[in-house]
Amino acid sequence: MHTNKLANPGPLGLMGFGMTTVLLNLHNAGFFPLTSIIISMGIFYGGIAQIIAGIMEYKHGNTFGTTAFTSYGAFWLSLVGILLLPRMGLAEASDAVFLGVYLGLWGIFTLFMFFGTLHASRGLQIVFGSLTALFALLAAGNITGNHDIIVAGGYVGLFCGASAIYLAMAEVVNEQLGRQVMPVG
């Protein structure tokens, strides 16, 4: 008898989120300038791949996964728009305070999503908890104009992105080997 098992889209979404988050926060922490590498990753892996993962989660009946991956995919695409539209002459550039408000709204959304992880793996709690802290720091840094807060956020973002990459790879490796080799909590 042939079963039609669907693939787990979680690792795709987590990798799209994690790798893009690491790259952007290497910039926020002051290691690299904001270049086409981050912009391209934001469009294609952070944006489009996460939206695809969210659509795949819908097919699984996973409301949390659908909401998370589709929303954060749209976050990356909108962030790219915030950065590129003014450069293309298609919109006025935002000031830092309004960017802080934007990031703050994403922080509120993420806090509620964090509450949704409280019955999930510890790994997922770490991703969403650190992402909540990241958005709070970036929002505060932009609203107050304090660059040191943004740099601190960059380090939190590096941890957050790395934790998402770990969780994605743990899900892939554990599934491939048929047992838990990489703990997820």
Protein backbone atom coordinates (compact mmCIF):
# COMPACT_ATOMS: atom_id res chain seq x y z
CA MET A 1 0.00 0.00 0.00
CA HIS A 2 1.40 3.39 -1.02
CA THR A 3 1.14 6.21 1.50
CA ASN A 4 1.39 9.77 0.35
CA LYS A 5 3.48 11.25 3.16
CA LEU A 6 4.07 14.98 2.95
CA ALA A 7 7.50 16.42 3.65
CA ASN A 8 8.08 18.50 6.76
CA PRO A 9 8.34 22.14 5.58
CA GLY A 10 9.65 23.33 8.96
CA PRO A 11 13.36 22.98 8.15
CA LEU A 12 12.96 24.97 4.92
CA GLY A 13 11.23 27.81 6.74
CA LEU A 14 13.64 27.73 9.67
CA MET A 15 16.69 27.77 7.38
CA GLY A 16 15.26 30.61 5.30
CA PHE A 17 14.65 32.54 8.49
CA GLY A 18 17.87 31.54 10.26
CA MET A 19 20.39 32.16 7.50
CA THR A 20 18.83 35.48 6.52
CA THR A 21 18.67 36.56 10.17
CA VAL A 22 22.36 35.73 10.67
CA LEU A 23 23.36 37.76 7.61
CA LEU A 24 21.31 40.83 8.56
CA ASN A 25 22.58 40.72 12.12
CA LEU A 26 26.19 40.46 11.04
CA HIS A 27 25.39 43.91 9.64
CA ASN A 28 23.51 45.09 12.76
CA ALA A 29 26.41 43.96 14.98
CA GLY A 30 28.76 46.04 12.84
CA PHE A 31 30.72 43.36 10.98
CA PHE A 32 29.54 44.05 7.41
CA PRO A 33 27.75 46.79 5.49
CA LEU A 34 24.22 46.30 4.18
CA THR A 35 24.87 44.92 0.68
CA SER A 36 23.18 42.98 -2.10
CA ILE A 37 24.00 39.75 -0.23
CA ILE A 38 21.57 40.61 2.57
CA ILE A 39 18.99 42.13 0.20
CA SER A 40 19.05 39.08 -2.09
CA MET A 41 18.82 36.67 0.82
CA GLY A 42 15.89 38.69 2.18
CA ILE A 43 14.00 38.35 -1.09
CA PHE A 44 14.72 34.77 -2.06
CA TYR A 45 15.39 32.71 1.06
CA GLY A 46 14.05 34.79 3.92
CA GLY A 47 11.07 35.95 1.87
CA ILE A 48 9.99 33.59 -0.89
CA ALA A 49 11.23 30.30 0.61
CA GLN A 50 9.52 31.04 3.93
CA ILE A 51 6.26 31.87 2.21
CA ILE A 52 6.49 28.58 0.33
CA ALA A 53 7.12 26.80 3.65
CA GLY A 54 4.09 28.58 5.12
CA ILE A 55 1.91 27.39 2.26
CA MET A 56 3.23 23.87 2.76
CA GLU A 57 2.40 24.09 6.48
CA TYR A 58 -1.16 25.01 5.49
CA LYS A 59 -1.40 21.70 3.62
CA HIS A 60 -0.33 19.99 6.87
CA GLY A 61 -3.08 21.80 8.80
CA ASN A 62 -0.49 23.62 10.92
CA THR A 63 -1.92 27.05 11.73
CA PHE A 64 1.14 28.08 13.75
CA GLY A 65 3.59 27.12 10.99
CA THR A 66 1.45 28.74 8.30
CA THR A 67 1.17 31.96 10.27
CA ALA A 68 4.83 32.06 11.29
CA PHE A 69 6.50 31.22 7.98
CA THR A 70 4.14 33.21 5.78
CA SER A 71 4.32 36.24 8.08
CA TYR A 72 8.10 36.24 8.49
CA GLY A 73 8.50 35.67 4.76
CA ALA A 74 6.38 38.77 4.22
CA PHE A 75 8.48 40.55 6.88
CA TRP A 76 11.64 39.95 4.86
CA LEU A 77 10.02 41.08 1.62
CA SER A 78 8.62 44.20 3.27
CA LEU A 79 11.99 45.01 4.86
CA VAL A 80 13.61 44.75 1.44
CA GLY A 81 10.90 47.10 0.14
CA ILE A 82 11.61 49.58 2.95
CA LEU A 83 15.27 49.57 1.95
CA LEU A 84 14.93 49.53 -1.85
CA LEU A 85 11.81 51.54 -2.70
CA PRO A 86 13.35 54.90 -1.68
CA ARG A 87 16.54 54.09 -3.63
CA MET A 88 14.42 53.36 -6.69
CA GLY A 89 12.53 56.64 -6.33
CA LEU A 90 9.24 54.81 -5.69
CA ALA A 91 8.61 55.90 -2.09
CA GLU A 92 9.88 58.31 0.53
CA ALA A 93 12.47 56.92 2.92
CA SER A 94 11.26 56.27 6.44
CA ASP A 95 12.90 57.88 9.43
CA ALA A 96 14.47 55.74 12.15
CA VAL A 97 11.60 56.30 14.60
CA PHE A 98 8.97 54.95 12.20
CA LEU A 99 11.28 52.02 11.37
CA GLY A 100 11.39 51.41 15.13
CA VAL A 101 7.59 51.39 15.25
CA TYR A 102 7.54 48.85 12.39
CA LEU A 103 10.03 46.65 14.25
CA GLY A 104 8.06 47.09 17.47
CA LEU A 105 4.88 45.82 15.80
CA TRP A 106 6.80 42.77 14.61
CA GLY A 107 8.03 42.34 18.18
CA ILE A 108 4.47 42.31 19.53
CA PHE A 109 3.46 39.76 16.90
CA THR A 110 6.50 37.64 17.77
CA LEU A 111 5.74 37.80 21.50
CA PHE A 112 2.30 36.31 20.84
CA MET A 113 3.87 33.68 18.58
CA PHE A 114 6.32 32.90 21.41
CA PHE A 115 3.34 32.17 23.66
CA GLY A 116 2.25 29.69 21.00
CA THR A 117 5.54 27.79 21.43
CA LEU A 118 5.09 27.11 25.13
CA HIS A 119 3.86 23.57 24.41
CA ALA A 120 6.39 23.03 21.59
CA SER A 121 10.06 22.05 21.71
CA ARG A 122 12.54 24.02 23.77
CA GLY A 123 14.39 24.74 20.52
CA LEU A 124 11.38 26.53 19.05
CA GLN A 125 10.90 28.46 22.30
CA ILE A 126 14.50 29.65 22.08
CA VAL A 127 14.05 30.81 18.48
CA PHE A 128 10.89 32.79 19.23
CA GLY A 129 12.07 34.07 22.61
CA SER A 130 15.32 35.40 21.19
CA LEU A 131 13.47 36.83 18.17
CA THR A 132 11.16 38.72 20.53
CA ALA A 133 14.22 40.18 22.28
CA LEU A 134 15.81 41.01 18.92
CA PHE A 135 12.79 42.97 17.71
CA ALA A 136 12.55 44.78 21.07
CA LEU A 137 16.20 45.83 20.92
CA LEU A 138 16.07 46.92 17.27
CA ALA A 139 12.85 48.85 17.89
CA ALA A 140 14.28 50.58 20.96
CA GLY A 141 17.58 51.32 19.23
CA ASN A 142 15.86 52.91 16.24
CA ILE A 143 13.28 54.85 18.26
CA THR A 144 15.88 56.26 20.66
CA GLY A 145 18.63 56.67 18.07
CA ASN A 146 20.98 54.64 20.26
CA HIS A 147 23.25 52.68 17.91
CA ASP A 148 24.69 50.61 20.78
CA ILE A 149 21.25 49.06 21.35
CA ILE A 150 21.10 48.10 17.67
CA VAL A 151 24.56 46.50 17.94
CA ALA A 152 23.42 44.56 21.02
CA GLY A 153 20.38 43.49 19.01
CA GLY A 154 22.73 42.30 16.30
CA TYR A 155 24.38 39.90 18.72
CA VAL A 156 20.99 38.63 19.91
CA GLY A 157 20.05 38.24 16.23
CA LEU A 158 23.14 36.16 15.56
CA PHE A 159 22.12 33.84 18.40
CA CYS A 160 18.52 33.74 17.18
CA GLY A 161 19.48 32.95 13.60
CA ALA A 162 21.98 30.32 14.70
CA SER A 163 19.36 28.67 16.91
CA ALA A 164 16.93 28.52 13.96
CA ILE A 165 19.64 26.97 11.76
CA TYR A 166 20.40 24.40 14.46
CA LEU A 167 16.72 23.52 14.86
CA ALA A 168 16.27 23.17 11.09
CA MET A 169 19.27 20.89 10.77
CA ALA A 170 18.23 18.87 13.84
CA GLU A 171 14.83 18.23 12.25
CA VAL A 172 16.44 17.13 8.97
CA VAL A 173 19.15 14.95 10.53
CA ASN A 174 16.82 13.36 13.10
CA GLU A 175 14.22 12.57 10.45
CA GLN A 176 16.80 11.18 8.02
CA LEU A 177 18.36 8.93 10.66
CA GLY A 178 15.04 7.91 12.19
CA ARG A 179 16.12 8.83 15.70
CA GLN A 180 17.06 11.89 17.73
CA VAL A 181 20.75 12.54 17.21
CA MET A 182 20.55 16.32 17.62
CA PRO A 183 18.42 17.27 20.65
CA VAL A 184 15.62 19.81 20.19
CA GLY A 185 14.29 19.79 23.76
